[in-house]
């Protein structure tokens, strides 16, 4: 029997992980301290904020938000939901990503300060997302939705709700999104086993698994409700009719299998989808252009996809195939 190949991080990921100092473990103990720790980490690694013509605080139908305009006269907008497991993150944490996408896409970007769990469990975050999308549709010609991780979950759920309510969206931009609340899957179990010593980090896989389970308990305490398509978009009966999608994934991500399966279902249901998979990368990388060149590349691809979507052009044919490293399984 062949010896299993250990997952190998990219050189930039290894440098990043090696640079991290030990931190106190606030998970499951102190939510305010955990939020501050996560915020400080992003702000440290996001790099220089790109200039835009205008950045202003707005009330998006009652949802506190921030609107970025690269020139000042944009007709189209991306509504962006930040990551953080529906519990962490804020408008400052996603500011680097928002400015970079706005400049590359040539569109406005609206980031929303949706309500966080556990104080505000489901459907608070999704309700805020849908309210902001409605505000954007009233104030802009074309609207796209997007987000990373839990924000990607909210964007995918909003795309499903838009289809069901016959609201037209130009694109859903999903960056390593959360798509399935099911924890006891072969893919997630394999990740725990295969990533026990990833990049020299003890229990890397189990830590990721336990943190996701903790976040699901905070966001949707009602377990039967987690099978709803607007909680777990992968559980939708059909994806036919949703807006076109761009999916960005990372090889060493416990959530990657969900995106692979979701992409396959989009194609089966004849939804145009463009995929960009980053070998050697980890969950969260797009937030760190200050230390990750792959983050810069992903932001370029996201901007180009939005330009095409708003111009009603065909997807990038080079991005249509999913690369599947041999040591990662859906």
C-alpha atoms as a PDB file:
ATOM      1  CA  UNK A   1       0.000   0.000   0.000  1.00  0.00           C
ATOM      2  CA  UNK A   2       1.324   3.440  -0.948  1.00  0.00           C
ATOM      3  CA  UNK A   3       2.199   5.812   1.866  1.00  0.00           C
ATOM      4  CA  UNK A   4      -0.239   8.759   1.993  1.00  0.00           C
ATOM      5  CA  UNK A   5       1.296  12.006   0.804  1.00  0.00           C
ATOM      6  CA  UNK A   6       1.319  14.701   3.482  1.00  0.00           C
ATOM      7  CA  UNK A   7      -0.247  17.995   2.404  1.00  0.00           C
ATOM      8  CA  UNK A   8       2.353  20.637   1.619  1.00  0.00           C
ATOM      9  CA  UNK A   9       1.734  24.380   2.052  1.00  0.00           C
ATOM     10  CA  UNK A  10       3.032  26.866  -0.479  1.00  0.00           C
ATOM     11  CA  UNK A  11       6.227  28.691   0.440  1.00  0.00           C
ATOM     12  CA  UNK A  12       4.311  31.895   1.170  1.00  0.00           C
ATOM     13  CA  UNK A  13       1.879  30.043   3.444  1.00  0.00           C
ATOM     14  CA  UNK A  14       4.730  28.397   5.332  1.00  0.00           C
ATOM     15  CA  UNK A  15       6.439  31.758   5.839  1.00  0.00           C
ATOM     16  CA  UNK A  16       3.190  33.251   7.048  1.00  0.00           C
ATOM     17  CA  UNK A  17       2.506  30.443   9.520  1.00  0.00           C
ATOM     18  CA  UNK A  18       6.091  30.496  10.780  1.00  0.00           C
ATOM     19  CA  UNK A  19       5.800  34.233  11.444  1.00  0.00           C
ATOM     20  CA  UNK A  20       2.822  33.911  13.778  1.00  0.00           C
ATOM     21  CA  UNK A  21       3.471  34.347  17.480  1.00  0.00           C
ATOM     22  CA  UNK A  22       1.608  32.111  19.981  1.00  0.00           C
ATOM     23  CA  UNK A  23      -1.766  33.559  20.969  1.00  0.00           C
ATOM     24  CA  UNK A  24      -4.189  33.000  23.806  1.00  0.00           C
ATOM     25  CA  UNK A  25      -7.012  30.623  22.952  1.00  0.00           C
ATOM     26  CA  UNK A  26     -10.290  32.521  23.395  1.00  0.00           C
ATOM     27  CA  UNK A  27     -12.404  30.079  21.362  1.00  0.00           C
ATOM     28  CA  UNK A  28     -15.487  29.041  23.342  1.00  0.00           C
ATOM     29  CA  UNK A  29     -14.405  31.208  26.274  1.00  0.00           C
ATOM     30  CA  UNK A  30     -14.498  34.942  25.573  1.00  0.00           C
ATOM     31  CA  UNK A  31     -16.263  36.234  22.434  1.00  0.00           C
ATOM     32  CA  UNK A  32     -15.230  39.915  22.803  1.00  0.00           C
ATOM     33  CA  UNK A  33     -11.582  38.916  23.252  1.00  0.00           C
ATOM     34  CA  UNK A  34     -11.820  36.557  20.289  1.00  0.00           C
ATOM     35  CA  UNK A  35     -13.256  39.331  18.123  1.00  0.00           C
ATOM     36  CA  UNK A  36     -10.479  41.718  19.089  1.00  0.00           C
ATOM     37  CA  UNK A  37      -7.836  39.071  18.436  1.00  0.00           C
ATOM     38  CA  UNK A  38      -9.247  38.265  14.999  1.00  0.00           C
ATOM     39  CA  UNK A  39      -9.567  41.937  14.110  1.00  0.00           C
ATOM     40  CA  UNK A  40      -6.001  42.743  15.162  1.00  0.00           C
ATOM     41  CA  UNK A  41      -4.709  39.826  13.105  1.00  0.00           C
ATOM     42  CA  UNK A  42      -6.416  40.951   9.898  1.00  0.00           C
ATOM     43  CA  UNK A  43      -5.378  44.574  10.298  1.00  0.00           C
ATOM     44  CA  UNK A  44      -1.776  43.478  10.831  1.00  0.00           C
ATOM     45  CA  UNK A  45      -1.591  41.391   7.645  1.00  0.00           C
ATOM     46  CA  UNK A  46      -3.891  43.151   5.176  1.00  0.00           C
ATOM     47  CA  UNK A  47      -1.170  45.448   3.822  1.00  0.00           C
ATOM     48  CA  UNK A  48      -1.533  48.987   2.515  1.00  0.00           C
ATOM     49  CA  UNK A  49      -5.049  50.276   1.922  1.00  0.00           C
ATOM     50  CA  UNK A  50      -5.525  51.292  -1.705  1.00  0.00           C
ATOM     51  CA  UNK A  51      -6.872  54.789  -2.372  1.00  0.00           C
ATOM     52  CA  UNK A  52     -10.348  55.219  -3.826  1.00  0.00           C
ATOM     53  CA  UNK A  53     -12.182  58.361  -4.896  1.00  0.00           C
ATOM     54  CA  UNK A  54     -14.771  58.101  -2.132  1.00  0.00           C
ATOM     55  CA  UNK A  55     -15.329  56.000   0.975  1.00  0.00           C
ATOM     56  CA  UNK A  56     -18.407  56.882   2.970  1.00  0.00           C
ATOM     57  CA  UNK A  57     -20.610  55.524   5.721  1.00  0.00           C
ATOM     58  CA  UNK A  58     -24.132  54.796   4.489  1.00  0.00           C
ATOM     59  CA  UNK A  59     -27.376  53.446   5.895  1.00  0.00           C
ATOM     60  CA  UNK A  60     -28.332  50.604   3.557  1.00  0.00           C
ATOM     61  CA  UNK A  61     -31.992  50.302   4.455  1.00  0.00           C
ATOM     62  CA  UNK A  62     -31.167  50.304   8.147  1.00  0.00           C
ATOM     63  CA  UNK A  63     -27.976  48.227   7.898  1.00  0.00           C
ATOM     64  CA  UNK A  64     -24.804  50.160   8.819  1.00  0.00           C
ATOM     65  CA  UNK A  65     -22.551  49.944   5.771  1.00  0.00           C
ATOM     66  CA  UNK A  66     -19.593  51.482   3.999  1.00  0.00           C
ATOM     67  CA  UNK A  67     -19.583  52.382   0.308  1.00  0.00           C
ATOM     68  CA  UNK A  68     -16.388  52.546  -1.748  1.00  0.00           C
ATOM     69  CA  UNK A  69     -16.293  54.263  -5.139  1.00  0.00           C
ATOM     70  CA  UNK A  70     -13.088  53.970  -7.188  1.00  0.00           C
ATOM     71  CA  UNK A  71     -13.989  56.946  -9.441  1.00  0.00           C
ATOM     72  CA  UNK A  72     -17.086  58.381  -7.831  1.00  0.00           C
ATOM     73  CA  UNK A  73     -19.710  57.858 -10.549  1.00  0.00           C
ATOM     74  CA  UNK A  74     -20.203  54.077 -10.634  1.00  0.00           C
ATOM     75  CA  UNK A  75     -23.569  52.680 -11.706  1.00  0.00           C
ATOM     76  CA  UNK A  76     -22.912  49.083 -10.583  1.00  0.00           C
ATOM     77  CA  UNK A  77     -22.177  47.704  -7.122  1.00  0.00           C
ATOM     78  CA  UNK A  78     -20.899  44.596  -5.382  1.00  0.00           C
ATOM     79  CA  UNK A  79     -22.525  43.942  -1.995  1.00  0.00           C
ATOM     80  CA  UNK A  80     -19.756  42.304   0.053  1.00  0.00           C
ATOM     81  CA  UNK A  81     -20.265  40.287   3.250  1.00  0.00           C
ATOM     82  CA  UNK A  82     -17.161  39.801   5.379  1.00  0.00           C
ATOM     83  CA  UNK A  83     -16.038  36.457   6.746  1.00  0.00           C
ATOM     84  CA  UNK A  84     -15.564  35.433  10.355  1.00  0.00           C
ATOM     85  CA  UNK A  85     -17.969  32.568  10.958  1.00  0.00           C
ATOM     86  CA  UNK A  86     -20.961  34.936  11.376  1.00  0.00           C
ATOM     87  CA  UNK A  87     -19.351  35.829  14.736  1.00  0.00           C
ATOM     88  CA  UNK A  88     -16.153  37.751  13.954  1.00  0.00           C
ATOM     89  CA  UNK A  89     -15.163  40.557  11.606  1.00  0.00           C
ATOM     90  CA  UNK A  90     -16.317  44.098  10.893  1.00  0.00           C
ATOM     91  CA  UNK A  91     -16.135  46.828   8.263  1.00  0.00           C
ATOM     92  CA  UNK A  92     -12.483  47.586   9.018  1.00  0.00           C
ATOM     93  CA  UNK A  93     -11.475  43.934   8.625  1.00  0.00           C
ATOM     94  CA  UNK A  94     -12.795  43.769   5.048  1.00  0.00           C
ATOM     95  CA  UNK A  95     -11.726  47.270   3.998  1.00  0.00           C
ATOM     96  CA  UNK A  96      -8.557  46.108   2.241  1.00  0.00           C
ATOM     97  CA  UNK A  97     -10.457  43.560   0.167  1.00  0.00           C
ATOM     98  CA  UNK A  98     -13.265  46.019  -0.620  1.00  0.00           C
ATOM     99  CA  UNK A  99     -10.940  48.766  -1.854  1.00  0.00           C
ATOM    100  CA  UNK A 100      -8.887  46.345  -3.933  1.00  0.00           C
ATOM    101  CA  UNK A 101     -11.951  44.822  -5.612  1.00  0.00           C
ATOM    102  CA  UNK A 102     -13.494  48.233  -6.259  1.00  0.00           C
ATOM    103  CA  UNK A 103     -10.358  49.415  -8.053  1.00  0.00           C
ATOM    104  CA  UNK A 104      -9.990  46.231 -10.112  1.00  0.00           C
ATOM    105  CA  UNK A 105     -13.664  45.825 -10.976  1.00  0.00           C
ATOM    106  CA  UNK A 106     -14.370  49.490 -11.622  1.00  0.00           C
ATOM    107  CA  UNK A 107     -17.571  49.208  -9.599  1.00  0.00           C
ATOM    108  CA  UNK A 108     -18.741  50.474  -6.240  1.00  0.00           C
ATOM    109  CA  UNK A 109     -18.405  48.069  -3.319  1.00  0.00           C
ATOM    110  CA  UNK A 110     -20.843  48.109  -0.406  1.00  0.00           C
ATOM    111  CA  UNK A 111     -19.620  46.346   2.738  1.00  0.00           C
ATOM    112  CA  UNK A 112     -22.246  45.653   5.363  1.00  0.00           C
ATOM    113  CA  UNK A 113     -21.978  45.498   9.132  1.00  0.00           C
ATOM    114  CA  UNK A 114     -24.443  42.641   9.538  1.00  0.00           C
ATOM    115  CA  UNK A 115     -25.470  41.518  13.005  1.00  0.00           C
ATOM    116  CA  UNK A 116     -23.253  38.846  14.542  1.00  0.00           C
ATOM    117  CA  UNK A 117     -23.886  35.617  16.435  1.00  0.00           C
ATOM    118  CA  UNK A 118     -24.246  34.502  19.158  1.00  0.00           C
ATOM    119  CA  UNK A 119     -26.059  37.706  20.168  1.00  0.00           C
ATOM    120  CA  UNK A 120     -27.956  37.648  16.873  1.00  0.00           C
ATOM    121  CA  UNK A 121     -28.345  34.099  15.509  1.00  0.00           C
ATOM    122  CA  UNK A 122     -29.835  33.141  12.142  1.00  0.00           C
ATOM    123  CA  UNK A 123     -31.644  34.726  10.349  1.00  0.00           C
ATOM    124  CA  UNK A 124     -30.268  38.108  11.505  1.00  0.00           C
ATOM    125  CA  UNK A 125     -27.166  38.114   9.270  1.00  0.00           C
ATOM    126  CA  UNK A 126     -29.116  36.932   6.225  1.00  0.00           C
ATOM    127  CA  UNK A 127     -31.922  39.417   6.854  1.00  0.00           C
ATOM    128  CA  UNK A 128     -29.352  42.236   6.978  1.00  0.00           C
ATOM    129  CA  UNK A 129     -27.757  40.936   3.794  1.00  0.00           C
ATOM    130  CA  UNK A 130     -31.067  40.844   1.942  1.00  0.00           C
ATOM    131  CA  UNK A 131     -31.994  44.313   3.197  1.00  0.00           C
ATOM    132  CA  UNK A 132     -28.683  45.682   1.912  1.00  0.00           C
ATOM    133  CA  UNK A 133     -29.167  43.946  -1.439  1.00  0.00           C
ATOM    134  CA  UNK A 134     -32.581  45.579  -1.739  1.00  0.00           C
ATOM    135  CA  UNK A 135     -31.078  48.986  -0.980  1.00  0.00           C
ATOM    136  CA  UNK A 136     -28.370  48.382  -3.584  1.00  0.00           C
ATOM    137  CA  UNK A 137     -30.941  47.410  -6.224  1.00  0.00           C
ATOM    138  CA  UNK A 138     -32.805  50.664  -5.607  1.00  0.00           C
ATOM    139  CA  UNK A 139     -29.673  52.796  -5.854  1.00  0.00           C
ATOM    140  CA  UNK A 140     -27.584  51.122  -8.588  1.00  0.00           C
ATOM    141  CA  UNK A 141     -28.165  49.820 -12.093  1.00  0.00           C
ATOM    142  CA  UNK A 142     -26.669  46.352 -11.534  1.00  0.00           C
ATOM    143  CA  UNK A 143     -25.923  44.446  -8.341  1.00  0.00           C
ATOM    144  CA  UNK A 144     -23.604  41.543  -7.565  1.00  0.00           C
ATOM    145  CA  UNK A 145     -23.154  39.785  -4.234  1.00  0.00           C
ATOM    146  CA  UNK A 146     -20.008  38.337  -2.746  1.00  0.00           C
ATOM    147  CA  UNK A 147     -18.184  37.371   0.386  1.00  0.00           C
ATOM    148  CA  UNK A 148     -15.497  35.212   1.917  1.00  0.00           C
ATOM    149  CA  UNK A 149     -16.113  32.187   4.156  1.00  0.00           C
ATOM    150  CA  UNK A 150     -19.292  32.926   6.167  1.00  0.00           C
ATOM    151  CA  UNK A 151     -19.730  35.974   3.940  1.00  0.00           C
ATOM    152  CA  UNK A 152     -19.677  33.616   0.966  1.00  0.00           C
ATOM    153  CA  UNK A 153     -22.425  31.642   2.658  1.00  0.00           C
ATOM    154  CA  UNK A 154     -24.538  34.787   2.949  1.00  0.00           C
ATOM    155  CA  UNK A 155     -23.844  35.699  -0.678  1.00  0.00           C
ATOM    156  CA  UNK A 156     -24.864  32.241  -1.937  1.00  0.00           C
ATOM    157  CA  UNK A 157     -27.995  32.327   0.216  1.00  0.00           C
ATOM    158  CA  UNK A 158     -28.839  35.784  -1.119  1.00  0.00           C
ATOM    159  CA  UNK A 159     -28.417  34.508  -4.678  1.00  0.00           C
ATOM    160  CA  UNK A 160     -30.922  31.724  -3.964  1.00  0.00           C
ATOM    161  CA  UNK A 161     -33.360  34.189  -2.408  1.00  0.00           C
ATOM    162  CA  UNK A 162     -32.939  36.527  -5.384  1.00  0.00           C
ATOM    163  CA  UNK A 163     -33.766  33.715  -7.804  1.00  0.00           C
ATOM    164  CA  UNK A 164     -36.873  32.760  -5.822  1.00  0.00           C
ATOM    165  CA  UNK A 165     -38.055  36.380  -5.654  1.00  0.00           C
ATOM    166  CA  UNK A 166     -37.146  37.052  -9.331  1.00  0.00           C
ATOM    167  CA  UNK A 167     -34.616  39.704  -8.422  1.00  0.00           C
ATOM    168  CA  UNK A 168     -31.825  39.880 -10.993  1.00  0.00           C
ATOM    169  CA  UNK A 169     -28.225  39.745  -9.768  1.00  0.00           C
ATOM    170  CA  UNK A 170     -25.215  40.025 -12.048  1.00  0.00           C
ATOM    171  CA  UNK A 171     -22.909  37.622 -10.190  1.00  0.00           C
ATOM    172  CA  UNK A 172     -22.217  35.766  -6.968  1.00  0.00           C
ATOM    173  CA  UNK A 173     -18.548  35.944  -5.950  1.00  0.00           C
ATOM    174  CA  UNK A 174     -17.882  33.144  -3.465  1.00  0.00           C
ATOM    175  CA  UNK A 175     -14.461  33.030  -1.800  1.00  0.00           C
ATOM    176  CA  UNK A 176     -13.887  29.709   0.029  1.00  0.00           C
ATOM    177  CA  UNK A 177     -17.573  29.821   1.081  1.00  0.00           C
ATOM    178  CA  UNK A 178     -19.334  27.875   3.825  1.00  0.00           C
ATOM    179  CA  UNK A 179     -22.015  25.888   1.986  1.00  0.00           C
ATOM    180  CA  UNK A 180     -22.915  22.855   4.093  1.00  0.00           C
ATOM    181  CA  UNK A 181     -23.627  22.640   7.827  1.00  0.00           C
ATOM    182  CA  UNK A 182     -23.094  18.862   7.831  1.00  0.00           C
ATOM    183  CA  UNK A 183     -20.018  18.151   9.928  1.00  0.00           C
ATOM    184  CA  UNK A 184     -19.875  14.353   9.831  1.00  0.00           C
ATOM    185  CA  UNK A 185     -18.780  14.039   6.197  1.00  0.00           C
ATOM    186  CA  UNK A 186     -15.972  11.847   4.825  1.00  0.00           C
ATOM    187  CA  UNK A 187     -14.187  14.923   3.483  1.00  0.00           C
ATOM    188  CA  UNK A 188     -14.131  16.742   6.806  1.00  0.00           C
ATOM    189  CA  UNK A 189     -13.083  13.585   8.662  1.00  0.00           C
ATOM    190  CA  UNK A 190     -10.250  13.010   6.200  1.00  0.00           C
ATOM    191  CA  UNK A 191      -9.130  16.597   6.690  1.00  0.00           C
ATOM    192  CA  UNK A 192      -8.855  16.064  10.449  1.00  0.00           C
ATOM    193  CA  UNK A 193      -6.693  12.996   9.893  1.00  0.00           C
ATOM    194  CA  UNK A 194      -4.571  14.243   7.003  1.00  0.00           C
ATOM    195  CA  UNK A 195      -3.849  17.646   8.525  1.00  0.00           C
ATOM    196  CA  UNK A 196      -2.905  16.544  12.022  1.00  0.00           C
ATOM    197  CA  UNK A 197       0.587  18.072  11.627  1.00  0.00           C
ATOM    198  CA  UNK A 198       0.108  20.456   8.712  1.00  0.00           C
ATOM    199  CA  UNK A 199       3.004  22.896   8.282  1.00  0.00           C
ATOM    200  CA  UNK A 200       4.375  21.860  11.660  1.00  0.00           C
ATOM    201  CA  UNK A 201       1.182  22.925  13.453  1.00  0.00           C
ATOM    202  CA  UNK A 202      -0.152  20.325  15.892  1.00  0.00           C
ATOM    203  CA  UNK A 203      -3.821  19.366  15.471  1.00  0.00           C
ATOM    204  CA  UNK A 204      -4.312  21.803  12.569  1.00  0.00           C
ATOM    205  CA  UNK A 205      -7.130  19.704  11.098  1.00  0.00           C
ATOM    206  CA  UNK A 206      -8.945  18.997  14.355  1.00  0.00           C
ATOM    207  CA  UNK A 207      -8.733  22.634  15.393  1.00  0.00           C
ATOM    208  CA  UNK A 208     -10.358  23.709  12.112  1.00  0.00           C
ATOM    209  CA  UNK A 209     -13.103  21.103  12.550  1.00  0.00           C
ATOM    210  CA  UNK A 210     -13.881  22.079  16.140  1.00  0.00           C
ATOM    211  CA  UNK A 211     -13.959  25.789  15.370  1.00  0.00           C
ATOM    212  CA  UNK A 212     -16.402  25.337  12.509  1.00  0.00           C
ATOM    213  CA  UNK A 213     -18.666  23.222  14.720  1.00  0.00           C
ATOM    214  CA  UNK A 214     -18.538  25.929  17.398  1.00  0.00           C
ATOM    215  CA  UNK A 215     -19.462  28.640  14.894  1.00  0.00           C
ATOM    216  CA  UNK A 216     -22.389  26.636  13.536  1.00  0.00           C
ATOM    217  CA  UNK A 217     -23.707  26.177  17.084  1.00  0.00           C
ATOM    218  CA  UNK A 218     -23.567  29.945  17.588  1.00  0.00           C
ATOM    219  CA  UNK A 219     -25.076  30.915  14.229  1.00  0.00           C
ATOM    220  CA  UNK A 220     -27.861  28.316  13.981  1.00  0.00           C
ATOM    221  CA  UNK A 221     -28.522  26.727  17.391  1.00  0.00           C
ATOM    222  CA  UNK A 222     -31.613  25.009  15.941  1.00  0.00           C
ATOM    223  CA  UNK A 223     -29.955  22.008  14.283  1.00  0.00           C
ATOM    224  CA  UNK A 224     -32.873  20.921  12.038  1.00  0.00           C
ATOM    225  CA  UNK A 225     -32.920  24.454  10.594  1.00  0.00           C
ATOM    226  CA  UNK A 226     -29.367  24.014   9.325  1.00  0.00           C
ATOM    227  CA  UNK A 227     -30.609  21.951   6.401  1.00  0.00           C
ATOM    228  CA  UNK A 228     -32.509  24.926   4.998  1.00  0.00           C
ATOM    229  CA  UNK A 229     -31.017  26.042   1.648  1.00  0.00           C
ATOM    230  CA  UNK A 230     -30.565  29.596   2.926  1.00  0.00           C
ATOM    231  CA  UNK A 231     -28.450  28.188   5.763  1.00  0.00           C
ATOM    232  CA  UNK A 232     -26.719  25.446   3.768  1.00  0.00           C
ATOM    233  CA  UNK A 233     -26.960  26.401   0.072  1.00  0.00           C
ATOM    234  CA  UNK A 234     -25.581  22.991  -0.917  1.00  0.00           C
ATOM    235  CA  UNK A 235     -28.887  21.525   0.303  1.00  0.00           C
ATOM    236  CA  UNK A 236     -30.967  23.457  -2.232  1.00  0.00           C
ATOM    237  CA  UNK A 237     -33.181  21.136  -4.276  1.00  0.00           C
ATOM    238  CA  UNK A 238     -31.953  22.808  -7.457  1.00  0.00           C
ATOM    239  CA  UNK A 239     -29.586  25.636  -8.308  1.00  0.00           C
ATOM    240  CA  UNK A 240     -31.102  26.208 -11.724  1.00  0.00           C
ATOM    241  CA  UNK A 241     -31.818  29.862 -12.343  1.00  0.00           C
ATOM    242  CA  UNK A 242     -29.382  31.380  -9.837  1.00  0.00           C
ATOM    243  CA  UNK A 243     -27.058  34.093 -11.098  1.00  0.00           C
ATOM    244  CA  UNK A 244     -23.635  33.173 -12.554  1.00  0.00           C
ATOM    245  CA  UNK A 245     -20.931  32.354 -10.034  1.00  0.00           C
ATOM    246  CA  UNK A 246     -17.226  32.810  -9.488  1.00  0.00           C
ATOM    247  CA  UNK A 247     -15.775  30.462  -6.876  1.00  0.00           C
ATOM    248  CA  UNK A 248     -12.316  30.892  -5.346  1.00  0.00           C
ATOM    249  CA  UNK A 249     -10.917  28.002  -3.322  1.00  0.00           C
ATOM    250  CA  UNK A 250      -7.800  27.050  -1.370  1.00  0.00           C
ATOM    251  CA  UNK A 251      -6.218  23.594  -1.530  1.00  0.00           C
ATOM    252  CA  UNK A 252      -5.630  23.232   2.216  1.00  0.00           C
ATOM    253  CA  UNK A 253      -9.112  24.239   3.367  1.00  0.00           C
ATOM    254  CA  UNK A 254     -11.523  21.995   5.242  1.00  0.00           C
ATOM    255  CA  UNK A 255     -14.344  23.702   3.297  1.00  0.00           C
ATOM    256  CA  UNK A 256     -12.888  23.071  -0.151  1.00  0.00           C
ATOM    257  CA  UNK A 257     -14.929  19.943  -0.796  1.00  0.00           C
ATOM    258  CA  UNK A 258     -18.140  21.911  -0.356  1.00  0.00           C
ATOM    259  CA  UNK A 259     -17.112  24.309  -3.101  1.00  0.00           C
ATOM    260  CA  UNK A 260     -16.116  21.471  -5.434  1.00  0.00           C
ATOM    261  CA  UNK A 261     -19.518  19.838  -4.952  1.00  0.00           C
ATOM    262  CA  UNK A 262     -21.378  23.142  -5.278  1.00  0.00           C
ATOM    263  CA  UNK A 263     -19.539  23.980  -8.480  1.00  0.00           C
ATOM    264  CA  UNK A 264     -20.451  20.604  -9.936  1.00  0.00           C
ATOM    265  CA  UNK A 265     -24.102  21.169  -9.081  1.00  0.00           C
ATOM    266  CA  UNK A 266     -24.066  24.645 -10.629  1.00  0.00           C
ATOM    267  CA  UNK A 267     -22.767  23.157 -13.869  1.00  0.00           C
ATOM    268  CA  UNK A 268     -25.319  20.357 -13.779  1.00  0.00           C
ATOM    269  CA  UNK A 269     -28.032  22.968 -13.413  1.00  0.00           C
ATOM    270  CA  UNK A 270     -26.607  24.986 -16.341  1.00  0.00           C
ATOM    271  CA  UNK A 271     -25.423  27.942 -14.257  1.00  0.00           C
ATOM    272  CA  UNK A 272     -22.284  29.633 -15.684  1.00  0.00           C
ATOM    273  CA  UNK A 273     -19.468  29.222 -13.174  1.00  0.00           C
ATOM    274  CA  UNK A 274     -15.814  30.252 -13.151  1.00  0.00           C
ATOM    275  CA  UNK A 275     -13.458  28.563 -10.668  1.00  0.00           C
ATOM    276  CA  UNK A 276     -10.024  29.565  -9.413  1.00  0.00           C
ATOM    277  CA  UNK A 277      -8.311  27.089  -7.105  1.00  0.00           C
ATOM    278  CA  UNK A 278      -5.089  28.043  -5.305  1.00  0.00           C
ATOM    279  CA  UNK A 279      -2.684  25.132  -4.740  1.00  0.00           C
ATOM    280  CA  UNK A 280      -0.805  25.261  -1.455  1.00  0.00           C
ATOM    281  CA  UNK A 281      -3.137  27.880   0.015  1.00  0.00           C
ATOM    282  CA  UNK A 282      -5.186  28.001   3.217  1.00  0.00           C
ATOM    283  CA  UNK A 283      -8.556  29.351   4.290  1.00  0.00           C
ATOM    284  CA  UNK A 284      -8.560  33.113   4.803  1.00  0.00           C
ATOM    285  CA  UNK A 285      -5.717  33.974   2.447  1.00  0.00           C
ATOM    286  CA  UNK A 286      -7.511  36.675   0.431  1.00  0.00           C
ATOM    287  CA  UNK A 287      -7.510  38.947   3.487  1.00  0.00           C
ATOM    288  CA  UNK A 288      -3.706  39.007   3.603  1.00  0.00           C
ATOM    289  CA  UNK A 289      -2.337  40.681   0.465  1.00  0.00           C
ATOM    290  CA  UNK A 290       0.323  42.207   2.689  1.00  0.00           C
ATOM    291  CA  UNK A 291       1.955  38.779   3.019  1.00  0.00           C
ATOM    292  CA  UNK A 292       0.311  36.613   0.320  1.00  0.00           C
ATOM    293  CA  UNK A 293       0.908  37.192  -3.391  1.00  0.00           C
ATOM    294  CA  UNK A 294      -1.895  34.703  -4.067  1.00  0.00           C
ATOM    295  CA  UNK A 295      -4.270  37.153  -2.375  1.00  0.00           C
ATOM    296  CA  UNK A 296      -3.309  39.829  -4.888  1.00  0.00           C
ATOM    297  CA  UNK A 297      -3.867  37.396  -7.765  1.00  0.00           C
ATOM    298  CA  UNK A 298      -7.265  36.335  -6.410  1.00  0.00           C
ATOM    299  CA  UNK A 299      -8.333  39.964  -6.081  1.00  0.00           C
ATOM    300  CA  UNK A 300      -7.286  40.562  -9.696  1.00  0.00           C
ATOM    301  CA  UNK A 301      -9.370  37.603 -10.860  1.00  0.00           C
ATOM    302  CA  UNK A 302     -12.355  38.719  -8.798  1.00  0.00           C
ATOM    303  CA  UNK A 303     -12.166  42.218 -10.272  1.00  0.00           C
ATOM    304  CA  UNK A 304     -11.897  40.915 -13.820  1.00  0.00           C
ATOM    305  CA  UNK A 305     -14.886  38.615 -13.317  1.00  0.00           C
ATOM    306  CA  UNK A 306     -17.012  41.476 -12.006  1.00  0.00           C
ATOM    307  CA  UNK A 307     -16.049  43.649 -14.972  1.00  0.00           C
ATOM    308  CA  UNK A 308     -17.181  40.911 -17.345  1.00  0.00           C
ATOM    309  CA  UNK A 309     -20.396  40.281 -15.439  1.00  0.00           C
ATOM    310  CA  UNK A 310     -21.427  43.929 -15.412  1.00  0.00           C
ATOM    311  CA  UNK A 311     -20.531  44.198 -19.107  1.00  0.00           C
ATOM    312  CA  UNK A 312     -22.523  41.014 -19.874  1.00  0.00           C
ATOM    313  CA  UNK A 313     -19.472  39.235 -21.260  1.00  0.00           C
ATOM    314  CA  UNK A 314     -18.708  35.523 -21.216  1.00  0.00           C
ATOM    315  CA  UNK A 315     -16.791  34.085 -18.238  1.00  0.00           C
ATOM    316  CA  UNK A 316     -13.053  33.546 -18.442  1.00  0.00           C
ATOM    317  CA  UNK A 317     -12.849  30.163 -20.164  1.00  0.00           C
ATOM    318  CA  UNK A 318      -9.481  29.497 -18.528  1.00  0.00           C
ATOM    319  CA  UNK A 319     -11.155  29.607 -15.127  1.00  0.00           C
ATOM    320  CA  UNK A 320     -13.870  27.073 -15.889  1.00  0.00           C
ATOM    321  CA  UNK A 321     -11.943  23.942 -14.937  1.00  0.00           C
ATOM    322  CA  UNK A 322     -11.416  23.007 -11.304  1.00  0.00           C
ATOM    323  CA  UNK A 323      -7.902  21.789 -10.566  1.00  0.00           C
ATOM    324  CA  UNK A 324      -8.048  18.991  -8.024  1.00  0.00           C
ATOM    325  CA  UNK A 325      -4.725  18.211  -6.333  1.00  0.00           C
ATOM    326  CA  UNK A 326      -4.249  14.484  -5.893  1.00  0.00           C
ATOM    327  CA  UNK A 327      -4.116  14.657  -2.103  1.00  0.00           C
ATOM    328  CA  UNK A 328      -7.389  16.602  -1.714  1.00  0.00           C
ATOM    329  CA  UNK A 329     -10.806  15.005  -2.075  1.00  0.00           C
ATOM    330  CA  UNK A 330     -14.226  16.504  -2.442  1.00  0.00           C
END
